[in-house]
C-alpha atoms as a PDB file:
ATOM      1  CA  ALA A   1    -114.907 -91.543-114.992  1.00  0.00           C
ATOM      2  CA  ILE A   2    -115.232 -89.680-111.339  1.00  0.00           C
ATOM      3  CA  ALA A   3    -113.846 -92.815-109.825  1.00  0.00           C
ATOM      4  CA  LYS A   4    -110.983 -92.683-111.841  1.00  0.00           C
ATOM      5  CA  TYR A   5    -110.524 -89.000-111.445  1.00  0.00           C
ATOM      6  CA  ASN A   6    -110.792 -88.940-107.918  1.00  0.00           C
ATOM      7  CA  GLU A   7    -108.252 -92.118-107.640  1.00  0.00           C
ATOM      8  CA  ALA A   8    -106.023 -89.838-109.869  1.00  0.00           C
ATOM      9  CA  THR A   9    -106.738 -87.011-107.738  1.00  0.00           C
ATOM     10  CA  ALA A  10    -105.936 -88.982-104.493  1.00  0.00           C
ATOM     11  CA  ARG A  11    -102.751 -90.580-106.290  1.00  0.00           C
ATOM     12  CA  LEU A  12    -101.616 -86.918-107.062  1.00  0.00           C
ATOM     13  CA  THR A  13    -102.071 -85.662-103.196  1.00  0.00           C
ATOM     14  CA  GLU A  14    -100.023 -88.735-102.187  1.00  0.00           C
ATOM     15  CA  ALA A  15     -97.088 -88.116-104.946  1.00  0.00           C
ATOM     16  CA  GLU A  16     -97.035 -84.453-103.754  1.00  0.00           C
ATOM     17  CA  LYS A  17     -97.016 -85.661-100.007  1.00  0.00           C
ATOM     18  CA  ASN A  18     -94.026 -87.975-101.180  1.00  0.00           C
ATOM     19  CA  LYS A  19     -92.239 -85.294-102.844  1.00  0.00           C
ATOM     20  CA  ALA A  20     -92.440 -82.911-100.099  1.00  0.00           C
ATOM     21  CA  GLN A  21     -91.245 -85.535 -98.037  1.00  0.00           C
ATOM     22  CA  ALA A  22     -88.527 -86.392-100.284  1.00  0.00           C
ATOM     23  CA  ASP A  23     -87.747 -82.424-100.647  1.00  0.00           C
ATOM     24  CA  GLN A  24     -87.348 -82.257 -96.613  1.00  0.00           C
ATOM     25  CA  VAL A  25     -85.161 -84.992 -96.503  1.00  0.00           C
ATOM     26  CA  ILE A  26     -82.822 -83.763 -99.183  1.00  0.00           C
ATOM     27  CA  ALA A  27     -82.748 -80.649 -97.625  1.00  0.00           C
ATOM     28  CA  GLU A  28     -81.774 -82.150 -94.178  1.00  0.00           C
ATOM     29  CA  ILE A  29     -78.922 -84.159 -95.543  1.00  0.00           C
ATOM     30  CA  ASN A  30     -77.886 -80.849 -97.672  1.00  0.00           C
ATOM     31  CA  ALA A  31     -77.846 -78.629 -94.385  1.00  0.00           C
ATOM     32  CA  SER A  32     -75.923 -81.708 -92.895  1.00  0.00           C
ATOM     33  CA  ILE A  33     -73.389 -82.034 -95.334  1.00  0.00           C
ATOM     34  CA  ALA A  34     -72.480 -78.136 -95.349  1.00  0.00           C
ATOM     35  CA  LYS A  35     -72.211 -78.590 -91.289  1.00  0.00           C
ATOM     36  CA  ASP A  36     -69.709 -81.711 -91.845  1.00  0.00           C
ATOM     37  CA  GLN A  37     -68.235 -79.527 -94.527  1.00  0.00           C
ATOM     38  CA  VAL A  38     -67.686 -76.533 -91.951  1.00  0.00           C
ATOM     39  CA  GLU A  39     -66.529 -78.706 -89.082  1.00  0.00           C
ATOM     40  CA  LEU A  40     -64.145 -80.667 -91.555  1.00  0.00           C
ATOM     41  CA  LYS A  41     -62.613 -77.151 -92.609  1.00  0.00           C
ATOM     42  CA  ALA A  42     -61.993 -75.926 -88.961  1.00  0.00           C
ATOM     43  CA  THR A  43     -60.439 -79.064 -88.032  1.00  0.00           C
ATOM     44  CA  MET A  44     -58.332 -79.160 -90.882  1.00  0.00           C
ATOM     45  CA  GLU A  45     -56.746 -75.633 -90.087  1.00  0.00           C
ATOM     46  CA  SER A  46     -56.414 -76.224 -86.407  1.00  0.00           C
ATOM     47  CA  ASN A  47     -54.220 -79.460 -87.306  1.00  0.00           C
ATOM     48  CA  ALA A  48     -52.408 -77.702 -89.754  1.00  0.00           C
ATOM     49  CA  SER A  49     -52.219 -74.762 -87.588  1.00  0.00           C
ATOM     50  CA  ALA A  50     -50.660 -77.201 -84.722  1.00  0.00           C
ATOM     51  CA  SER A  51     -48.311 -79.021 -87.293  1.00  0.00           C
ATOM     52  CA  ILE A  52     -47.096 -75.816 -88.212  1.00  0.00           C
ATOM     53  CA  LYS A  53     -46.391 -74.982 -84.927  1.00  0.00           C
ATOM     54  CA  ARG A  54     -44.345 -78.016 -83.691  1.00  0.00           C
ATOM     55  CA  SER A  55     -42.502 -78.187 -87.081  1.00  0.00           C
ATOM     56  CA  ALA A  56     -41.424 -74.573 -85.772  1.00  0.00           C
ATOM     57  CA  ALA A  57     -40.286 -75.857 -82.575  1.00  0.00           C
ATOM     58  CA  ALA A  58     -38.668 -78.799 -84.076  1.00  0.00           C
ATOM     59  CA  ALA A  59     -36.818 -76.712 -86.330  1.00  0.00           C
ATOM     60  CA  GLU A  60     -35.710 -73.987 -83.640  1.00  0.00           C
ATOM     61  CA  SER A  61     -34.537 -76.682 -81.360  1.00  0.00           C
ATOM     62  CA  THR A  62     -32.674 -78.395 -83.937  1.00  0.00           C
ATOM     63  CA  MET A  63     -31.353 -74.555 -85.228  1.00  0.00           C
ATOM     64  CA  LYS A  64     -30.348 -74.052 -81.629  1.00  0.00           C
ATOM     65  CA  SER A  65     -28.688 -77.293 -81.018  1.00  0.00           C
ATOM     66  CA  MET A  66     -26.925 -76.745 -84.017  1.00  0.00           C
ATOM     67  CA  GLU A  67     -25.223 -73.188 -83.095  1.00  0.00           C
ATOM     68  CA  GLU A  68     -24.507 -74.989 -79.545  1.00  0.00           C
ATOM     69  CA  GLY A  69     -22.270 -77.586 -81.704  1.00  0.00           C
ATOM     70  CA  ALA A  70     -20.830 -75.056 -83.461  1.00  0.00           C
ATOM     71  CA  GLU A  71     -19.327 -73.324 -80.772  1.00  0.00           C
ATOM     72  CA  GLU A  72     -18.058 -76.463 -79.258  1.00  0.00           C
ATOM     73  CA  GLN A  73     -16.711 -77.423 -82.820  1.00  0.00           C
ATOM     74  CA  LEU A  74     -14.932 -73.732 -83.024  1.00  0.00           C
ATOM     75  CA  GLU A  75     -13.801 -73.413 -79.197  1.00  0.00           C
ATOM     76  CA  ALA A  76     -12.149 -77.526 -79.980  1.00  0.00           C
ATOM     77  CA  TYR A  77     -10.441 -75.889 -82.973  1.00  0.00           C
ATOM     78  CA  ILE A  78      -9.197 -72.629 -81.071  1.00  0.00           C
ATOM     79  CA  MET A  79      -7.820 -74.564 -78.428  1.00  0.00           C
ATOM     80  CA  GLU A  80      -6.219 -77.198 -80.506  1.00  0.00           C
ATOM     81  CA  GLU A  81      -5.012 -74.448 -82.807  1.00  0.00           C
ATOM     82  CA  SER A  82      -3.496 -72.887 -80.090  1.00  0.00           C
ATOM     83  CA  VAL A  83      -2.081 -75.500 -78.531  1.00  0.00           C
ATOM     84  CA  ARG A  84      -0.531 -76.905 -82.110  1.00  0.00           C
ATOM     85  CA  ARG A  85       1.089 -73.286 -82.429  1.00  0.00           C
ATOM     86  CA  GLY A  86       2.308 -72.890 -78.761  1.00  0.00           C
ATOM     87  CA  VAL A  87       4.101 -76.481 -79.325  1.00  0.00           C
ATOM     88  CA  LYS A  88       5.343 -75.366 -82.651  1.00  0.00           C
ATOM     89  CA  GLU A  89       6.514 -71.699 -81.249  1.00  0.00           C
ATOM     90  CA  LEU A  90       8.287 -74.070 -78.455  1.00  0.00           C
ATOM     91  CA  SER A  91      10.187 -75.844 -80.874  1.00  0.00           C
ATOM     92  CA  VAL A  92      11.702 -73.399 -82.727  1.00  0.00           C
ATOM     93  CA  MET A  93      12.340 -70.820 -79.331  1.00  0.00           C
ATOM     94  CA  SER A  94      15.863 -70.914 -78.377  1.00  0.00           C
ATOM     95  CA  LYS A  95      16.749 -72.624 -75.073  1.00  0.00           C
ATOM     96  CA  GLY A  96      16.809 -69.706 -72.723  1.00  0.00           C
ATOM     97  CA  LYS A  97      13.757 -68.259 -74.071  1.00  0.00           C
ATOM     98  CA  SER A  98      12.186 -71.456 -73.647  1.00  0.00           C
ATOM     99  CA  ASP A  99      13.310 -71.740 -69.985  1.00  0.00           C
ATOM    100  CA  ASP A 100      11.969 -68.623 -69.526  1.00  0.00           C
ATOM    101  CA  TYR A 101       8.622 -68.687 -70.606  1.00  0.00           C
ATOM    102  CA  LEU A 102       8.238 -72.134 -69.207  1.00  0.00           C
ATOM    103  CA  THR A 103       9.159 -70.584 -65.746  1.00  0.00           C
ATOM    104  CA  LYS A 104       6.902 -67.965 -65.877  1.00  0.00           C
ATOM    105  CA  ALA A 105       3.987 -70.427 -67.021  1.00  0.00           C
ATOM    106  CA  ILE A 106       4.686 -72.572 -63.877  1.00  0.00           C
ATOM    107  CA  GLU A 107       4.845 -69.330 -61.724  1.00  0.00           C
ATOM    108  CA  MET A 108       1.013 -68.335 -63.449  1.00  0.00           C
ATOM    109  CA  LEU A 109      -0.473 -71.570 -62.284  1.00  0.00           C
END
């Protein structure tokens, strides 16, 4: 009976030792997971921030380009409309008034 008791005690001691080792491995794994989660969160936040900055820069560039395009279109419209109205006005002017206008325009050049 003593031999069986000693054997059981040895097995219990070995099992407790194995459990302690397993608990240590689990604690190391949990610490590694926690560290990885923190690093992943920081990486994701950094990537999101960089993506937002790139998107904002692209949107600003697009907006500036659109503003320039709109300004050019407005200038082209004004020029076209002024020419069209000038031609219309010249076509309905009397001959004397038209000749006067053209003379003054040539003198300005």
